Amino acid sequence: MVSVKRLVLDVLKPHQPNALEFSRAIAGVGANYHVHLTVLEVDENTETLRMVVEANAIDFDAVQSAITSMGGSLHSIDEVEVQNQTDVD
């Protein structure tokens, strides 16, 4: 099974929710999600973020859905780390 271990995302979001609330919501999407969020740019209405999500198996669709539900939009996937874990009997 191939699992997504790390994503680096370019995200645009409104000022609210703030960066802490936004990070907590993304971390709450899955078990043991680790989120590192950096605000790169702030303008009158939005913030541009670099968001790193790490876990044993990231559900990308759930992360993207959480971003959208908070008024954000995913601009790009800048880095991906995946791992093929073969079942051994």
C-alpha atoms as a PDB file:
ATOM      1  CA  MET A   1       0.000   0.000   0.000  1.00  0.00           C
ATOM      2  CA  VAL A   2       1.302   3.446  -0.918  1.00  0.00           C
ATOM      3  CA  SER A   3       0.841   6.071   1.811  1.00  0.00           C
ATOM      4  CA  VAL A   4       1.263   9.819   1.619  1.00  0.00           C
ATOM      5  CA  LYS A   5       3.664  10.794   4.420  1.00  0.00           C
ATOM      6  CA  ARG A   6       4.285  14.499   3.783  1.00  0.00           C
ATOM      7  CA  LEU A   7       2.631  17.302   1.816  1.00  0.00           C
ATOM      8  CA  VAL A   8       3.837  20.849   1.290  1.00  0.00           C
ATOM      9  CA  LEU A   9       0.920  23.007   0.173  1.00  0.00           C
ATOM     10  CA  ASP A  10       0.519  26.582  -1.033  1.00  0.00           C
ATOM     11  CA  VAL A  11      -2.784  27.798   0.421  1.00  0.00           C
ATOM     12  CA  LEU A  12      -4.695  31.075   0.240  1.00  0.00           C
ATOM     13  CA  LYS A  13      -7.095  31.729   3.114  1.00  0.00           C
ATOM     14  CA  PRO A  14      -9.128  34.613   4.531  1.00  0.00           C
ATOM     15  CA  HIS A  15      -7.867  36.294   7.732  1.00  0.00           C
ATOM     16  CA  GLN A  16     -10.390  34.304   9.764  1.00  0.00           C
ATOM     17  CA  PRO A  17      -9.956  31.655  10.976  1.00  0.00           C
ATOM     18  CA  ASN A  18      -6.533  32.724  12.197  1.00  0.00           C
ATOM     19  CA  ALA A  19      -3.425  30.623  11.560  1.00  0.00           C
ATOM     20  CA  LEU A  20      -3.699  28.735  14.862  1.00  0.00           C
ATOM     21  CA  GLU A  21      -7.350  27.784  14.362  1.00  0.00           C
ATOM     22  CA  PHE A  22      -6.659  26.856  10.733  1.00  0.00           C
ATOM     23  CA  SER A  23      -3.729  24.605  11.739  1.00  0.00           C
ATOM     24  CA  ARG A  24      -5.739  22.914  14.474  1.00  0.00           C
ATOM     25  CA  ALA A  25      -8.562  22.159  12.065  1.00  0.00           C
ATOM     26  CA  ILE A  26      -6.164  20.584   9.541  1.00  0.00           C
ATOM     27  CA  ALA A  27      -4.428  18.576  12.290  1.00  0.00           C
ATOM     28  CA  GLY A  28      -7.837  17.321  13.407  1.00  0.00           C
ATOM     29  CA  VAL A  29      -8.532  15.769  10.006  1.00  0.00           C
ATOM     30  CA  GLY A  30      -6.613  12.568  10.781  1.00  0.00           C
ATOM     31  CA  ALA A  31      -4.817  10.571  13.418  1.00  0.00           C
ATOM     32  CA  ASN A  32      -1.393  11.908  14.407  1.00  0.00           C
ATOM     33  CA  TYR A  33      -1.376  14.700  11.813  1.00  0.00           C
ATOM     34  CA  HIS A  34       1.477  17.153  12.357  1.00  0.00           C
ATOM     35  CA  VAL A  35       0.950  20.591  10.775  1.00  0.00           C
ATOM     36  CA  HIS A  36       3.571  23.291  10.304  1.00  0.00           C
ATOM     37  CA  LEU A  37       2.091  26.501   8.925  1.00  0.00           C
ATOM     38  CA  THR A  38       4.010  29.594   7.804  1.00  0.00           C
ATOM     39  CA  VAL A  39       2.272  32.824   6.810  1.00  0.00           C
ATOM     40  CA  LEU A  40       4.177  34.061   3.766  1.00  0.00           C
ATOM     41  CA  GLU A  41       2.118  37.066   2.752  1.00  0.00           C
ATOM     42  CA  VAL A  42      -0.745  39.130   4.123  1.00  0.00           C
ATOM     43  CA  ASP A  43      -2.922  41.494   2.131  1.00  0.00           C
ATOM     44  CA  GLU A  44      -6.156  43.326   2.830  1.00  0.00           C
ATOM     45  CA  ASN A  45      -8.397  40.235   2.688  1.00  0.00           C
ATOM     46  CA  THR A  46      -6.232  37.115   2.572  1.00  0.00           C
ATOM     47  CA  GLU A  47      -3.117  35.320   3.773  1.00  0.00           C
ATOM     48  CA  THR A  48      -0.822  33.155   1.681  1.00  0.00           C
ATOM     49  CA  LEU A  49       0.406  30.118   3.588  1.00  0.00           C
ATOM     50  CA  ARG A  50       3.029  27.415   3.236  1.00  0.00           C
ATOM     51  CA  MET A  51       1.560  24.433   5.026  1.00  0.00           C
ATOM     52  CA  VAL A  52       3.430  21.204   5.736  1.00  0.00           C
ATOM     53  CA  VAL A  53       1.323  18.218   6.781  1.00  0.00           C
ATOM     54  CA  GLU A  54       3.022  15.041   8.019  1.00  0.00           C
ATOM     55  CA  ALA A  55       1.508  11.743   9.180  1.00  0.00           C
ATOM     56  CA  ASN A  56       1.728   7.996   8.641  1.00  0.00           C
ATOM     57  CA  ALA A  57      -1.037   8.144   6.037  1.00  0.00           C
ATOM     58  CA  ILE A  58      -2.433  11.510   4.937  1.00  0.00           C
ATOM     59  CA  ASP A  59      -5.918  11.638   3.428  1.00  0.00           C
ATOM     60  CA  PHE A  60      -5.353  14.362   0.830  1.00  0.00           C
ATOM     61  CA  ASP A  61      -9.041  14.668  -0.065  1.00  0.00           C
ATOM     62  CA  ALA A  62      -9.942  15.245   3.598  1.00  0.00           C
ATOM     63  CA  VAL A  63      -7.213  17.890   3.967  1.00  0.00           C
ATOM     64  CA  GLN A  64      -8.371  19.659   0.815  1.00  0.00           C
ATOM     65  CA  SER A  65     -11.988  19.522   1.998  1.00  0.00           C
ATOM     66  CA  ALA A  66     -11.031  21.043   5.365  1.00  0.00           C
ATOM     67  CA  ILE A  67      -9.162  23.874   3.629  1.00  0.00           C
ATOM     68  CA  THR A  68     -12.183  24.621   1.437  1.00  0.00           C
ATOM     69  CA  SER A  69     -14.647  24.424   4.337  1.00  0.00           C
ATOM     70  CA  MET A  70     -12.728  27.222   6.109  1.00  0.00           C
ATOM     71  CA  GLY A  71     -12.853  29.487   3.051  1.00  0.00           C
ATOM     72  CA  GLY A  72      -9.373  28.664   1.812  1.00  0.00           C
ATOM     73  CA  SER A  73      -8.187  27.480  -1.572  1.00  0.00           C
ATOM     74  CA  LEU A  74      -5.346  25.166  -2.475  1.00  0.00           C
ATOM     75  CA  HIS A  75      -3.086  26.900  -4.995  1.00  0.00           C
ATOM     76  CA  SER A  76      -0.541  24.126  -5.460  1.00  0.00           C
ATOM     77  CA  ILE A  77       1.008  20.980  -4.111  1.00  0.00           C
ATOM     78  CA  ASP A  78       4.664  21.970  -3.859  1.00  0.00           C
ATOM     79  CA  GLU A  79       6.149  18.775  -2.379  1.00  0.00           C
ATOM     80  CA  VAL A  80       4.976  15.226  -1.790  1.00  0.00           C
ATOM     81  CA  GLU A  81       6.549  12.333   0.049  1.00  0.00           C
ATOM     82  CA  VAL A  82       5.021   8.881  -0.345  1.00  0.00           C
ATOM     83  CA  GLN A  83       6.064   5.454   0.843  1.00  0.00           C
ATOM     84  CA  ASN A  84       5.203   1.997  -0.431  1.00  0.00           C
ATOM     85  CA  GLN A  85       4.662  -0.288   2.537  1.00  0.00           C
ATOM     86  CA  THR A  86       4.439  -3.885   1.424  1.00  0.00           C
ATOM     87  CA  ASP A  87       2.466  -6.315   3.552  1.00  0.00           C
ATOM     88  CA  VAL A  88       4.739  -9.085   4.801  1.00  0.00           C
ATOM     89  CA  ASP A  89       3.158 -12.348   5.929  1.00  0.00           C
END
